[in-house]
């Protein structure tokens, strides 16, 4: 799973903001290799504290 950072945010603001534009931008970023960030995992100390708070 790949997470897409928001480095092109200023360019998207100039074009307008719609879900279609966002989806296309994500698709292009993944295909071009610019989307290199990894998605957050659901383990570790932050997740443990979230579960304690939930309980």
C-alpha atoms as a PDB file:
ATOM      1  CA  UNK A   1       0.000   0.000   0.000  1.00  0.00           C
ATOM      2  CA  UNK A   2       1.332   3.421  -0.903  1.00  0.00           C
ATOM      3  CA  UNK A   3       0.473   6.670   0.801  1.00  0.00           C
ATOM      4  CA  UNK A   4       0.527   9.852  -1.272  1.00  0.00           C
ATOM      5  CA  UNK A   5       1.983  12.987   0.264  1.00  0.00           C
ATOM      6  CA  UNK A   6       0.505  16.391  -0.487  1.00  0.00           C
ATOM      7  CA  UNK A   7       3.536  18.023  -2.074  1.00  0.00           C
ATOM      8  CA  UNK A   8       1.543  19.297  -5.078  1.00  0.00           C
ATOM      9  CA  UNK A   9      -1.049  21.061  -2.935  1.00  0.00           C
ATOM     10  CA  UNK A  10      -0.346  24.558  -4.317  1.00  0.00           C
ATOM     11  CA  UNK A  11      -0.726  23.360  -7.899  1.00  0.00           C
ATOM     12  CA  UNK A  12      -4.059  21.747  -7.074  1.00  0.00           C
ATOM     13  CA  UNK A  13      -5.307  24.968  -5.455  1.00  0.00           C
ATOM     14  CA  UNK A  14      -4.558  26.880  -8.647  1.00  0.00           C
ATOM     15  CA  UNK A  15      -6.562  24.359 -10.711  1.00  0.00           C
ATOM     16  CA  UNK A  16      -9.511  24.278  -8.333  1.00  0.00           C
ATOM     17  CA  UNK A  17     -10.421  21.557  -5.894  1.00  0.00           C
ATOM     18  CA  UNK A  18     -12.607  18.610  -6.825  1.00  0.00           C
ATOM     19  CA  UNK A  19     -12.548  14.924  -6.015  1.00  0.00           C
ATOM     20  CA  UNK A  20     -11.947  14.098  -9.680  1.00  0.00           C
ATOM     21  CA  UNK A  21      -8.840  16.299  -9.808  1.00  0.00           C
ATOM     22  CA  UNK A  22      -7.585  14.784  -6.533  1.00  0.00           C
ATOM     23  CA  UNK A  23      -8.102  11.242  -7.821  1.00  0.00           C
ATOM     24  CA  UNK A  24      -6.294  11.967 -11.070  1.00  0.00           C
ATOM     25  CA  UNK A  25      -3.403  13.630  -9.219  1.00  0.00           C
ATOM     26  CA  UNK A  26      -3.030  10.600  -6.942  1.00  0.00           C
ATOM     27  CA  UNK A  27      -3.099   8.245  -9.923  1.00  0.00           C
ATOM     28  CA  UNK A  28      -0.400  10.212 -11.734  1.00  0.00           C
ATOM     29  CA  UNK A  29       1.729  10.422  -8.571  1.00  0.00           C
ATOM     30  CA  UNK A  30       1.586   6.662  -8.016  1.00  0.00           C
ATOM     31  CA  UNK A  31       2.324   5.807 -11.653  1.00  0.00           C
ATOM     32  CA  UNK A  32       5.202   8.277 -11.924  1.00  0.00           C
ATOM     33  CA  UNK A  33       6.837   7.085  -8.700  1.00  0.00           C
ATOM     34  CA  UNK A  34       6.447  10.385  -6.808  1.00  0.00           C
ATOM     35  CA  UNK A  35       4.179   8.687  -4.247  1.00  0.00           C
ATOM     36  CA  UNK A  36       6.835   6.980  -2.158  1.00  0.00           C
ATOM     37  CA  UNK A  37       5.520   7.484   1.386  1.00  0.00           C
ATOM     38  CA  UNK A  38       4.411   4.376   3.223  1.00  0.00           C
ATOM     39  CA  UNK A  39       0.969   4.217   4.807  1.00  0.00           C
ATOM     40  CA  UNK A  40       0.801   4.391   8.590  1.00  0.00           C
ATOM     41  CA  UNK A  41       0.796   1.076  10.404  1.00  0.00           C
ATOM     42  CA  UNK A  42      -1.718   0.326  13.119  1.00  0.00           C
ATOM     43  CA  UNK A  43       0.799  -0.767  15.698  1.00  0.00           C
ATOM     44  CA  UNK A  44       3.291   0.943  17.938  1.00  0.00           C
ATOM     45  CA  UNK A  45       3.040   3.222  20.959  1.00  0.00           C
ATOM     46  CA  UNK A  46       0.498   5.648  19.482  1.00  0.00           C
ATOM     47  CA  UNK A  47      -1.896   2.850  18.578  1.00  0.00           C
ATOM     48  CA  UNK A  48      -1.441   1.305  22.027  1.00  0.00           C
ATOM     49  CA  UNK A  49      -2.395   4.610  23.701  1.00  0.00           C
ATOM     50  CA  UNK A  50      -5.391   4.970  21.399  1.00  0.00           C
ATOM     51  CA  UNK A  51      -6.618   1.516  22.451  1.00  0.00           C
ATOM     52  CA  UNK A  52      -6.133   2.346  26.152  1.00  0.00           C
ATOM     53  CA  UNK A  53      -8.183   5.516  25.664  1.00  0.00           C
ATOM     54  CA  UNK A  54     -10.853   3.539  23.826  1.00  0.00           C
ATOM     55  CA  UNK A  55     -11.124   1.028  26.693  1.00  0.00           C
END
